[in-house]
Amino acid sequence: MGSRRPPATPDDDRLVERFLEMMAAERGAGRHTLAAYGTDLARFRAFLADLDLTLGRASATAVGAWLGALAAAGVSPRTSARRLSCLRQFYRFLCAERLRADDPTAGAQGPRRGRALPKVLDEASIDGLLAAARARTDAKGTRARALVELLYATGLRISELVGLPLSGLRPDIPAVIVHGKRGKERLVPYGGAAAAALDAYLPLRERFLAGGRPSPWLFPSRARAGHLTRQNVAVLLKDLARDAGVAPRLVSPHVLRHAFASHLLAHGADLRSVQQMLGHADIATTQIYTHVQSDRLSATLARHHPLAG
């Protein structure tokens, strides 16, 4: 935004420098985060230059005009909100350090952002992934099948799956005991396909032990953590996607978790049960999947109802 170069303002340079130093030292901001803050502040400075203002003298009116200019330029609400967040933190820092008496972002209204719906694979794509895993018959393929079957059958977070101890398998029923966020324990059942995949994998599990040493993990490996990593599973899923003719960019461990929830609801599962299996503390988090189903129903109506047009 803005066609002129920001005026030579050593004071502004020093304010930005002090802000970034604080973010690094007190907030632990990384190199990429600091670079993004610096870029956002530079963009705002360039906009202010057209108003003959500087960062130190920016007004609430200027902040509002900048947000309007971002919207007019087609900048996404998410990006605009991020840039406003940067300004808020910058001016709050100036106020806290008594480098400025007022915060020009205090009354700024950020753009409204709709909640992004999760990406979900349809059932045919999931069937293709599972078929690709079942087609691999060596030891690694048997492990891959167990991983994918269990991931889709339980909706576990990938960190929960790779960190699942062998003792997490219930010996009496097809279910796993999971310690999720904040150490909260939950019992998640799984079906016959996942049970069969685990039955095939468990006799081969010792082949993956590092140096033959015992391991507490269901999916041990030679990685530093002692078990398969999230990256290992992500790469595996993309390989299976290629085998299945599914675009790899659409497939990730979290997408399978979304598919688990959406497909359950599509087949009549109640929202509270899905919430418990996913380990969501708030049912509002689970309700996002009802919006996915509503969008699909609307699309189906639009395509097939004779009066939809």
C-alpha atoms as a PDB file:
ATOM      1  CA  MET A   1       0.000   0.000   0.000  1.00  0.00           C
ATOM      2  CA  GLY A   2       1.285   3.508  -0.762  1.00  0.00           C
ATOM      3  CA  SER A   3       3.501   4.654  -3.564  1.00  0.00           C
ATOM      4  CA  ARG A   4       6.020   6.790  -1.690  1.00  0.00           C
ATOM      5  CA  ARG A   5       8.956   5.612   0.331  1.00  0.00           C
ATOM      6  CA  PRO A   6       8.553   6.142   4.081  1.00  0.00           C
ATOM      7  CA  PRO A   7      10.196   9.379   5.211  1.00  0.00           C
ATOM      8  CA  ALA A   8      13.566   9.174   6.893  1.00  0.00           C
ATOM      9  CA  THR A   9      12.508   8.621  10.495  1.00  0.00           C
ATOM     10  CA  PRO A  10      15.289   7.349  12.707  1.00  0.00           C
ATOM     11  CA  ASP A  11      12.848   7.412  15.611  1.00  0.00           C
ATOM     12  CA  ASP A  12      10.538   4.969  13.815  1.00  0.00           C
ATOM     13  CA  ASP A  13      13.484   2.730  13.005  1.00  0.00           C
ATOM     14  CA  ARG A  14      14.434   2.661  16.661  1.00  0.00           C
ATOM     15  CA  LEU A  15      10.840   1.987  17.786  1.00  0.00           C
ATOM     16  CA  VAL A  16      10.582  -1.005  15.453  1.00  0.00           C
ATOM     17  CA  GLU A  17      13.986  -2.253  16.558  1.00  0.00           C
ATOM     18  CA  ARG A  18      13.038  -2.069  20.229  1.00  0.00           C
ATOM     19  CA  PHE A  19       9.715  -3.791  19.575  1.00  0.00           C
ATOM     20  CA  LEU A  20      11.349  -6.675  17.722  1.00  0.00           C
ATOM     21  CA  GLU A  21      13.999  -7.000  20.424  1.00  0.00           C
ATOM     22  CA  MET A  22      11.225  -7.316  23.016  1.00  0.00           C
ATOM     23  CA  MET A  23       9.353  -9.903  20.949  1.00  0.00           C
ATOM     24  CA  ALA A  24      12.506 -11.998  20.651  1.00  0.00           C
ATOM     25  CA  ALA A  25      13.648 -11.677  24.246  1.00  0.00           C
ATOM     26  CA  GLU A  26      10.345 -11.739  26.153  1.00  0.00           C
ATOM     27  CA  ARG A  27       7.966 -13.595  23.825  1.00  0.00           C
ATOM     28  CA  GLY A  28      10.463 -15.995  22.276  1.00  0.00           C
ATOM     29  CA  ALA A  29       9.471 -14.986  18.729  1.00  0.00           C
ATOM     30  CA  GLY A  30      11.465 -16.875  16.096  1.00  0.00           C
ATOM     31  CA  ARG A  31      13.296 -15.528  13.071  1.00  0.00           C
ATOM     32  CA  HIS A  32      10.376 -16.004  10.669  1.00  0.00           C
ATOM     33  CA  THR A  33       7.893 -14.403  13.057  1.00  0.00           C
ATOM     34  CA  LEU A  34      10.164 -11.401  13.574  1.00  0.00           C
ATOM     35  CA  ALA A  35      10.603 -11.040   9.814  1.00  0.00           C
ATOM     36  CA  ALA A  36       6.816 -11.108   9.340  1.00  0.00           C
ATOM     37  CA  TYR A  37       6.339  -8.401  12.003  1.00  0.00           C
ATOM     38  CA  GLY A  38       9.025  -6.284  10.374  1.00  0.00           C
ATOM     39  CA  THR A  39       7.360  -6.638   6.969  1.00  0.00           C
ATOM     40  CA  ASP A  40       3.906  -5.762   8.316  1.00  0.00           C
ATOM     41  CA  LEU A  41       5.230  -2.656  10.056  1.00  0.00           C
ATOM     42  CA  ALA A  42       7.129  -1.631   6.912  1.00  0.00           C
ATOM     43  CA  ARG A  43       3.911  -1.901   4.878  1.00  0.00           C
ATOM     44  CA  PHE A  44       2.068   0.277   7.368  1.00  0.00           C
ATOM     45  CA  ARG A  45       4.913   2.822   7.329  1.00  0.00           C
ATOM     46  CA  ALA A  46       4.689   3.006   3.536  1.00  0.00           C
ATOM     47  CA  PHE A  47       0.948   3.671   3.805  1.00  0.00           C
ATOM     48  CA  LEU A  48       1.492   6.338   6.453  1.00  0.00           C
ATOM     49  CA  ALA A  49       4.042   8.075   4.223  1.00  0.00           C
ATOM     50  CA  ASP A  50       1.232   9.002   1.818  1.00  0.00           C
ATOM     51  CA  LEU A  51      -0.519  10.683   4.756  1.00  0.00           C
ATOM     52  CA  ASP A  52       2.665  12.478   5.883  1.00  0.00           C
ATOM     53  CA  LEU A  53       2.583  10.455   9.083  1.00  0.00           C
ATOM     54  CA  THR A  54       5.037   8.169  10.830  1.00  0.00           C
ATOM     55  CA  LEU A  55       4.583   5.156  13.061  1.00  0.00           C
ATOM     56  CA  GLY A  56       5.133   7.308  16.108  1.00  0.00           C
ATOM     57  CA  ARG A  57       2.441   9.778  15.020  1.00  0.00           C
ATOM     58  CA  ALA A  58      -0.116   7.407  13.472  1.00  0.00           C
ATOM     59  CA  SER A  59      -3.715   8.170  14.389  1.00  0.00           C
ATOM     60  CA  ALA A  60      -6.763   5.977  14.892  1.00  0.00           C
ATOM     61  CA  THR A  61      -8.135   7.457  11.676  1.00  0.00           C
ATOM     62  CA  ALA A  62      -5.017   6.356   9.808  1.00  0.00           C
ATOM     63  CA  VAL A  63      -5.341   2.815  11.163  1.00  0.00           C
ATOM     64  CA  GLY A  64      -8.970   2.695  10.024  1.00  0.00           C
ATOM     65  CA  ALA A  65      -8.037   4.033   6.591  1.00  0.00           C
ATOM     66  CA  TRP A  66      -5.320   1.416   6.276  1.00  0.00           C
ATOM     67  CA  LEU A  67      -7.752  -1.417   7.080  1.00  0.00           C
ATOM     68  CA  GLY A  68     -10.139  -0.008   4.488  1.00  0.00           C
ATOM     69  CA  ALA A  69      -7.344   0.147   1.919  1.00  0.00           C
ATOM     70  CA  LEU A  70      -6.425  -3.487   2.606  1.00  0.00           C
ATOM     71  CA  ALA A  71     -10.041  -4.559   2.027  1.00  0.00           C
ATOM     72  CA  ALA A  72     -10.267  -2.497  -1.167  1.00  0.00           C
ATOM     73  CA  ALA A  73      -7.064  -4.132  -2.426  1.00  0.00           C
ATOM     74  CA  GLY A  74      -8.587  -7.584  -1.968  1.00  0.00           C
ATOM     75  CA  VAL A  75      -6.374  -8.612   0.952  1.00  0.00           C
ATOM     76  CA  SER A  76      -7.971 -11.616   2.672  1.00  0.00           C
ATOM     77  CA  PRO A  77      -9.647 -11.117   6.076  1.00  0.00           C
ATOM     78  CA  ARG A  78      -7.168 -13.561   7.620  1.00  0.00           C
ATOM     79  CA  THR A  79      -4.155 -11.588   6.363  1.00  0.00           C
ATOM     80  CA  SER A  80      -5.703  -8.239   7.357  1.00  0.00           C
ATOM     81  CA  ALA A  81      -6.434  -9.584  10.832  1.00  0.00           C
ATOM     82  CA  ARG A  82      -2.834 -10.768  11.165  1.00  0.00           C
ATOM     83  CA  ARG A  83      -1.488  -7.363  10.151  1.00  0.00           C
ATOM     84  CA  LEU A  84      -3.807  -5.613  12.597  1.00  0.00           C
ATOM     85  CA  SER A  85      -2.658  -7.978  15.342  1.00  0.00           C
ATOM     86  CA  CYS A  86       0.928  -6.944  14.642  1.00  0.00           C
ATOM     87  CA  LEU A  87      -0.005  -3.259  14.951  1.00  0.00           C
ATOM     88  CA  ARG A  88      -1.896  -3.883  18.194  1.00  0.00           C
ATOM     89  CA  GLN A  89       1.123  -5.559  19.743  1.00  0.00           C
ATOM     90  CA  PHE A  90       3.429  -2.806  18.496  1.00  0.00           C
ATOM     91  CA  TYR A  91       1.377   0.057  19.914  1.00  0.00           C
ATOM     92  CA  ARG A  92       0.659  -1.730  23.176  1.00  0.00           C
ATOM     93  CA  PHE A  93       4.401  -2.120  23.555  1.00  0.00           C
ATOM     94  CA  LEU A  94       4.919   1.596  22.919  1.00  0.00           C
ATOM     95  CA  CYS A  95       2.291   2.454  25.515  1.00  0.00           C
ATOM     96  CA  ALA A  96       3.719   0.029  28.063  1.00  0.00           C
ATOM     97  CA  GLU A  97       7.175   1.535  27.569  1.00  0.00           C
ATOM     98  CA  ARG A  98       5.711   5.068  27.793  1.00  0.00           C
ATOM     99  CA  LEU A  99       6.960   5.788  24.323  1.00  0.00           C
ATOM    100  CA  ARG A 100       3.469   6.830  23.332  1.00  0.00           C
ATOM    101  CA  ALA A 101       0.511   8.029  25.389  1.00  0.00           C
ATOM    102  CA  ASP A 102      -2.312   6.483  23.351  1.00  0.00           C
ATOM    103  CA  ASP A 103      -2.984   3.340  21.315  1.00  0.00           C
ATOM    104  CA  PRO A 104      -4.381   4.181  17.852  1.00  0.00           C
ATOM    105  CA  THR A 105      -5.493   0.555  17.346  1.00  0.00           C
ATOM    106  CA  ALA A 106      -7.644   0.474  20.506  1.00  0.00           C
ATOM    107  CA  GLY A 107     -10.923   1.026  18.683  1.00  0.00           C
ATOM    108  CA  ALA A 108      -9.995  -0.640  15.396  1.00  0.00           C
ATOM    109  CA  GLN A 109     -12.455  -3.249  14.159  1.00  0.00           C
ATOM    110  CA  GLY A 110     -10.742  -6.133  12.437  1.00  0.00           C
ATOM    111  CA  PRO A 111     -12.337  -7.882   9.453  1.00  0.00           C
ATOM    112  CA  ARG A 112     -14.873 -10.592  10.183  1.00  0.00           C
ATOM    113  CA  ARG A 113     -13.492 -14.023   9.474  1.00  0.00           C
ATOM    114  CA  GLY A 114     -15.627 -17.050   8.836  1.00  0.00           C
ATOM    115  CA  ARG A 115     -14.378 -20.166  10.494  1.00  0.00           C
ATOM    116  CA  ALA A 116     -12.541 -22.288   7.959  1.00  0.00           C
ATOM    117  CA  LEU A 117     -14.181 -25.631   7.375  1.00  0.00           C
ATOM    118  CA  PRO A 118     -11.890 -28.637   7.702  1.00  0.00           C
ATOM    119  CA  LYS A 119     -10.708 -30.389   4.571  1.00  0.00           C
ATOM    120  CA  VAL A 120     -12.409 -33.766   4.292  1.00  0.00           C
ATOM    121  CA  LEU A 121     -11.778 -36.647   1.900  1.00  0.00           C
ATOM    122  CA  ASP A 122     -14.841 -38.402   0.551  1.00  0.00           C
ATOM    123  CA  GLU A 123     -15.404 -42.065   1.334  1.00  0.00           C
ATOM    124  CA  ALA A 124     -14.244 -43.210  -2.094  1.00  0.00           C
ATOM    125  CA  SER A 125     -10.867 -41.514  -1.565  1.00  0.00           C
ATOM    126  CA  ILE A 126     -10.524 -43.092   1.873  1.00  0.00           C
ATOM    127  CA  ASP A 127     -11.361 -46.494   0.372  1.00  0.00           C
ATOM    128  CA  GLY A 128      -8.610 -45.913  -2.186  1.00  0.00           C
ATOM    129  CA  LEU A 129      -6.051 -45.093   0.515  1.00  0.00           C
ATOM    130  CA  LEU A 130      -6.990 -48.174   2.520  1.00  0.00           C
ATOM    131  CA  ALA A 131      -6.836 -50.363  -0.587  1.00  0.00           C
ATOM    132  CA  ALA A 132      -3.376 -48.989  -1.396  1.00  0.00           C
ATOM    133  CA  ALA A 133      -2.214 -49.818   2.133  1.00  0.00           C
ATOM    134  CA  ARG A 134      -3.674 -53.344   1.957  1.00  0.00           C
ATOM    135  CA  ALA A 135      -1.846 -53.949  -1.306  1.00  0.00           C
ATOM    136  CA  ARG A 136       1.501 -53.658   0.480  1.00  0.00           C
ATOM    137  CA  THR A 137       2.262 -57.100   1.849  1.00  0.00           C
ATOM    138  CA  ASP A 138       5.790 -56.819   3.262  1.00  0.00           C
ATOM    139  CA  ALA A 139       6.456 -55.929   6.919  1.00  0.00           C
ATOM    140  CA  LYS A 140       6.485 -52.182   6.320  1.00  0.00           C
ATOM    141  CA  GLY A 141       3.335 -52.491   4.267  1.00  0.00           C
ATOM    142  CA  THR A 142       1.637 -54.437   7.049  1.00  0.00           C
ATOM    143  CA  ARG A 143       2.614 -51.696   9.484  1.00  0.00           C
ATOM    144  CA  ALA A 144       1.359 -49.047   7.043  1.00  0.00           C
ATOM    145  CA  ARG A 145      -1.993 -50.781   6.821  1.00  0.00           C
ATOM    146  CA  ALA A 146      -2.278 -50.892  10.633  1.00  0.00           C
ATOM    147  CA  LEU A 147      -1.413 -47.208  10.879  1.00  0.00           C
ATOM    148  CA  VAL A 148      -3.921 -46.052   8.280  1.00  0.00           C
ATOM    149  CA  GLU A 149      -6.712 -48.380   9.387  1.00  0.00           C
ATOM    150  CA  LEU A 150      -6.294 -47.306  13.014  1.00  0.00           C
ATOM    151  CA  LEU A 151      -6.022 -43.617  12.164  1.00  0.00           C
ATOM    152  CA  TYR A 152      -9.243 -43.633  10.162  1.00  0.00           C
ATOM    153  CA  ALA A 153     -11.035 -45.981  12.568  1.00  0.00           C
ATOM    154  CA  THR A 154     -10.347 -43.883  15.680  1.00  0.00           C
ATOM    155  CA  GLY A 155      -9.836 -40.291  14.548  1.00  0.00           C
ATOM    156  CA  LEU A 156      -6.805 -39.985  16.821  1.00  0.00           C
ATOM    157  CA  ARG A 157      -4.584 -36.944  16.582  1.00  0.00           C
ATOM    158  CA  ILE A 158      -1.383 -37.971  14.857  1.00  0.00           C
ATOM    159  CA  SER A 159       0.629 -37.193  18.006  1.00  0.00           C
ATOM    160  CA  GLU A 160      -1.677 -39.533  19.930  1.00  0.00           C
ATOM    161  CA  LEU A 161      -1.287 -42.316  17.375  1.00  0.00           C
ATOM    162  CA  VAL A 162       2.499 -42.316  17.044  1.00  0.00           C
ATOM    163  CA  GLY A 163       2.861 -41.927  20.806  1.00  0.00           C
ATOM    164  CA  LEU A 164       0.400 -44.698  21.609  1.00  0.00           C
ATOM    165  CA  PRO A 165       1.947 -47.265  23.973  1.00  0.00           C
ATOM    166  CA  LEU A 166       1.451 -50.947  23.345  1.00  0.00           C
ATOM    167  CA  SER A 167      -0.359 -51.040  26.683  1.00  0.00           C
ATOM    168  CA  GLY A 168      -2.927 -48.654  25.198  1.00  0.00           C
ATOM    169  CA  LEU A 169      -4.520 -51.556  23.333  1.00  0.00           C
ATOM    170  CA  ARG A 170      -7.354 -53.024  25.369  1.00  0.00           C
ATOM    171  CA  PRO A 171      -6.946 -56.824  25.554  1.00  0.00           C
ATOM    172  CA  ASP A 172     -10.644 -57.491  26.122  1.00  0.00           C
ATOM    173  CA  ILE A 173     -12.331 -55.242  23.526  1.00  0.00           C
ATOM    174  CA  PRO A 174     -11.260 -53.578  20.255  1.00  0.00           C
ATOM    175  CA  ALA A 175     -10.445 -50.166  21.716  1.00  0.00           C
ATOM    176  CA  VAL A 176      -7.480 -47.989  22.626  1.00  0.00           C
ATOM    177  CA  ILE A 177      -6.898 -45.971  25.769  1.00  0.00           C
ATOM    178  CA  VAL A 178      -5.635 -42.543  24.761  1.00  0.00           C
ATOM    179  CA  HIS A 179      -4.064 -39.825  26.878  1.00  0.00           C
ATOM    180  CA  GLY A 180      -4.918 -36.672  24.985  1.00  0.00           C
ATOM    181  CA  LYS A 181      -4.496 -32.974  25.601  1.00  0.00           C
ATOM    182  CA  ARG A 182      -3.920 -31.958  29.218  1.00  0.00           C
ATOM    183  CA  GLY A 183      -3.457 -35.654  30.039  1.00  0.00           C
ATOM    184  CA  LYS A 184      -7.173 -36.392  29.765  1.00  0.00           C
ATOM    185  CA  GLU A 185      -7.826 -40.095  29.232  1.00  0.00           C
ATOM    186  CA  ARG A 186     -10.463 -41.441  26.863  1.00  0.00           C
ATOM    187  CA  LEU A 187     -11.461 -44.823  25.466  1.00  0.00           C
ATOM    188  CA  VAL A 188     -11.825 -44.986  21.675  1.00  0.00           C
ATOM    189  CA  PRO A 189     -13.264 -48.134  20.043  1.00  0.00           C
ATOM    190  CA  TYR A 190     -12.365 -49.326  16.560  1.00  0.00           C
ATOM    191  CA  GLY A 191     -13.939 -51.733  14.089  1.00  0.00           C
ATOM    192  CA  GLY A 192     -13.144 -55.075  12.548  1.00  0.00           C
ATOM    193  CA  ALA A 193     -10.949 -53.809   9.707  1.00  0.00           C
ATOM    194  CA  ALA A 194      -8.596 -52.011  12.105  1.00  0.00           C
ATOM    195  CA  ALA A 195      -8.603 -55.025  14.432  1.00  0.00           C
ATOM    196  CA  ALA A 196      -7.589 -57.332  11.568  1.00  0.00           C
ATOM    197  CA  ALA A 197      -4.842 -54.923  10.504  1.00  0.00           C
ATOM    198  CA  LEU A 198      -3.455 -54.817  14.049  1.00  0.00           C
ATOM    199  CA  ASP A 199      -3.628 -58.616  14.329  1.00  0.00           C
ATOM    200  CA  ALA A 200      -1.499 -58.853  11.186  1.00  0.00           C
ATOM    201  CA  TYR A 201       0.968 -56.220  12.359  1.00  0.00           C
ATOM    202  CA  LEU A 202       1.591 -57.179  15.992  1.00  0.00           C
ATOM    203  CA  PRO A 203       3.519 -60.427  15.233  1.00  0.00           C
ATOM    204  CA  LEU A 204       5.851 -58.330  13.028  1.00  0.00           C
ATOM    205  CA  ARG A 205       6.273 -55.452  15.489  1.00  0.00           C
ATOM    206  CA  GLU A 206       9.608 -56.712  16.860  1.00  0.00           C
ATOM    207  CA  ARG A 207      11.189 -56.207  13.442  1.00  0.00           C
ATOM    208  CA  PHE A 208      10.986 -52.459  14.003  1.00  0.00           C
ATOM    209  CA  LEU A 209      12.641 -52.397  17.431  1.00  0.00           C
ATOM    210  CA  ALA A 210      15.859 -50.386  17.537  1.00  0.00           C
ATOM    211  CA  GLY A 211      18.699 -52.855  18.060  1.00  0.00           C
ATOM    212  CA  GLY A 212      16.224 -55.456  19.247  1.00  0.00           C
ATOM    213  CA  ARG A 213      15.694 -53.539  22.488  1.00  0.00           C
ATOM    214  CA  PRO A 214      12.234 -53.641  24.085  1.00  0.00           C
ATOM    215  CA  SER A 215      10.015 -50.636  23.408  1.00  0.00           C
ATOM    216  CA  PRO A 216       6.817 -49.440  25.072  1.00  0.00           C
ATOM    217  CA  TRP A 217       5.431 -48.001  21.832  1.00  0.00           C
ATOM    218  CA  LEU A 218       2.865 -49.628  19.565  1.00  0.00           C
ATOM    219  CA  PHE A 219       4.769 -48.335  16.534  1.00  0.00           C
ATOM    220  CA  PRO A 220       8.455 -48.390  17.538  1.00  0.00           C
ATOM    221  CA  SER A 221      11.182 -47.129  15.265  1.00  0.00           C
ATOM    222  CA  ARG A 222      14.825 -46.102  15.249  1.00  0.00           C
ATOM    223  CA  ALA A 223      13.889 -42.415  15.462  1.00  0.00           C
ATOM    224  CA  ARG A 224      15.165 -40.428  18.427  1.00  0.00           C
ATOM    225  CA  ALA A 225      11.719 -40.502  20.043  1.00  0.00           C
ATOM    226  CA  GLY A 226      11.745 -44.303  19.863  1.00  0.00           C
ATOM    227  CA  HIS A 227       8.577 -44.428  17.789  1.00  0.00           C
ATOM    228  CA  LEU A 228       7.418 -43.344  14.345  1.00  0.00           C
ATOM    229  CA  THR A 229       7.222 -39.594  13.940  1.00  0.00           C
ATOM    230  CA  ARG A 230       4.401 -37.462  12.609  1.00  0.00           C
ATOM    231  CA  GLN A 231       6.553 -36.722   9.577  1.00  0.00           C
ATOM    232  CA  ASN A 232       6.989 -40.457   8.911  1.00  0.00           C
ATOM    233  CA  VAL A 233       3.217 -40.942   8.807  1.00  0.00           C
ATOM    234  CA  ALA A 234       2.640 -37.815   6.693  1.00  0.00           C
ATOM    235  CA  VAL A 235       5.107 -39.068   4.065  1.00  0.00           C
ATOM    236  CA  LEU A 236       3.533 -42.522   4.132  1.00  0.00           C
ATOM    237  CA  LEU A 237       0.053 -41.096   3.538  1.00  0.00           C
ATOM    238  CA  LYS A 238       1.222 -39.066   0.557  1.00  0.00           C
ATOM    239  CA  ASP A 239       2.855 -42.171  -0.926  1.00  0.00           C
ATOM    240  CA  LEU A 240      -0.382 -44.092  -0.488  1.00  0.00           C
ATOM    241  CA  ALA A 241      -2.327 -41.202  -2.015  1.00  0.00           C
ATOM    242  CA  ARG A 242      -0.195 -41.433  -5.160  1.00  0.00           C
ATOM    243  CA  ASP A 243      -0.812 -45.178  -5.329  1.00  0.00           C
ATOM    244  CA  ALA A 244      -4.542 -44.587  -4.918  1.00  0.00           C
ATOM    245  CA  GLY A 245      -4.744 -41.812  -7.520  1.00  0.00           C
ATOM    246  CA  VAL A 246      -5.636 -39.207  -4.877  1.00  0.00           C
ATOM    247  CA  ALA A 247      -3.925 -35.807  -4.962  1.00  0.00           C
ATOM    248  CA  PRO A 248      -1.222 -35.995  -2.245  1.00  0.00           C
ATOM    249  CA  ARG A 249      -1.782 -32.355  -1.275  1.00  0.00           C
ATOM    250  CA  LEU A 250      -5.265 -33.319  -0.078  1.00  0.00           C
ATOM    251  CA  VAL A 251      -4.036 -36.022   2.281  1.00  0.00           C
ATOM    252  CA  SER A 252      -2.562 -35.621   5.747  1.00  0.00           C
ATOM    253  CA  PRO A 253      -3.008 -37.294   9.139  1.00  0.00           C
ATOM    254  CA  HIS A 254      -5.306 -34.482  10.265  1.00  0.00           C
ATOM    255  CA  VAL A 255      -7.444 -34.844   7.141  1.00  0.00           C
ATOM    256  CA  LEU A 256      -8.062 -38.475   8.109  1.00  0.00           C
ATOM    257  CA  ARG A 257      -9.166 -37.294  11.544  1.00  0.00           C
ATOM    258  CA  HIS A 258     -11.601 -34.916   9.860  1.00  0.00           C
ATOM    259  CA  ALA A 259     -12.825 -37.716   7.600  1.00  0.00           C
ATOM    260  CA  PHE A 260     -13.423 -39.964  10.618  1.00  0.00           C
ATOM    261  CA  ALA A 261     -15.675 -37.355  12.244  1.00  0.00           C
ATOM    262  CA  SER A 262     -17.524 -36.269   9.112  1.00  0.00           C
ATOM    263  CA  HIS A 263     -18.202 -39.793   7.890  1.00  0.00           C
ATOM    264  CA  LEU A 264     -19.496 -40.850  11.310  1.00  0.00           C
ATOM    265  CA  LEU A 265     -21.948 -37.947  11.370  1.00  0.00           C
ATOM    266  CA  ALA A 266     -22.983 -38.634   7.764  1.00  0.00           C
ATOM    267  CA  HIS A 267     -23.933 -42.159   8.797  1.00  0.00           C
ATOM    268  CA  GLY A 268     -26.017 -41.067  11.771  1.00  0.00           C
ATOM    269  CA  ALA A 269     -23.622 -40.916  14.732  1.00  0.00           C
ATOM    270  CA  ASP A 270     -24.633 -38.457  17.445  1.00  0.00           C
ATOM    271  CA  LEU A 271     -22.518 -35.352  17.994  1.00  0.00           C
ATOM    272  CA  ARG A 272     -21.777 -36.061  21.666  1.00  0.00           C
ATOM    273  CA  SER A 273     -20.295 -39.482  20.912  1.00  0.00           C
ATOM    274  CA  VAL A 274     -18.099 -38.037  18.171  1.00  0.00           C
ATOM    275  CA  GLN A 275     -16.952 -35.321  20.583  1.00  0.00           C
ATOM    276  CA  GLN A 276     -15.909 -37.939  23.141  1.00  0.00           C
ATOM    277  CA  MET A 277     -14.019 -40.021  20.603  1.00  0.00           C
ATOM    278  CA  LEU A 278     -12.196 -36.989  19.211  1.00  0.00           C
ATOM    279  CA  GLY A 279     -11.308 -35.786  22.694  1.00  0.00           C
ATOM    280  CA  HIS A 280     -12.753 -32.301  22.204  1.00  0.00           C
ATOM    281  CA  ALA A 281     -13.221 -30.431  25.475  1.00  0.00           C
ATOM    282  CA  ASP A 282     -15.964 -28.248  23.973  1.00  0.00           C
ATOM    283  CA  ILE A 283     -18.737 -29.634  21.781  1.00  0.00           C
ATOM    284  CA  ALA A 284     -18.640 -26.385  19.791  1.00  0.00           C
ATOM    285  CA  THR A 285     -15.354 -27.594  18.317  1.00  0.00           C
ATOM    286  CA  THR A 286     -17.054 -30.778  17.115  1.00  0.00           C
ATOM    287  CA  GLN A 287     -19.994 -28.870  15.660  1.00  0.00           C
ATOM    288  CA  ILE A 288     -17.800 -27.634  12.814  1.00  0.00           C
ATOM    289  CA  TYR A 289     -18.362 -31.038  11.210  1.00  0.00           C
ATOM    290  CA  THR A 290     -22.110 -30.465  11.134  1.00  0.00           C
ATOM    291  CA  HIS A 291     -21.384 -27.411   8.973  1.00  0.00           C
ATOM    292  CA  VAL A 292     -19.387 -29.617   6.619  1.00  0.00           C
ATOM    293  CA  GLN A 293     -22.391 -31.924   6.289  1.00  0.00           C
ATOM    294  CA  SER A 294     -24.754 -28.966   5.775  1.00  0.00           C
ATOM    295  CA  ASP A 295     -22.552 -27.612   2.999  1.00  0.00           C
ATOM    296  CA  ARG A 296     -22.543 -31.000   1.300  1.00  0.00           C
ATOM    297  CA  LEU A 297     -26.317 -31.305   1.531  1.00  0.00           C
ATOM    298  CA  SER A 298     -26.709 -27.805   0.077  1.00  0.00           C
ATOM    299  CA  ALA A 299     -24.385 -28.676  -2.801  1.00  0.00           C
ATOM    300  CA  THR A 300     -26.325 -31.888  -3.454  1.00  0.00           C
ATOM    301  CA  LEU A 301     -29.602 -29.965  -3.465  1.00  0.00           C
ATOM    302  CA  ALA A 302     -28.207 -27.400  -5.875  1.00  0.00           C
ATOM    303  CA  ARG A 303     -27.003 -30.113  -8.255  1.00  0.00           C
ATOM    304  CA  HIS A 304     -30.029 -32.399  -8.248  1.00  0.00           C
ATOM    305  CA  HIS A 305     -33.236 -30.623  -7.190  1.00  0.00           C
ATOM    306  CA  PRO A 306     -35.338 -29.641 -10.231  1.00  0.00           C
ATOM    307  CA  LEU A 307     -36.227 -26.228  -8.740  1.00  0.00           C
ATOM    308  CA  ALA A 308     -32.801 -25.449  -7.232  1.00  0.00           C
ATOM    309  CA  GLY A 309     -31.811 -23.200 -10.107  1.00  0.00           C
END
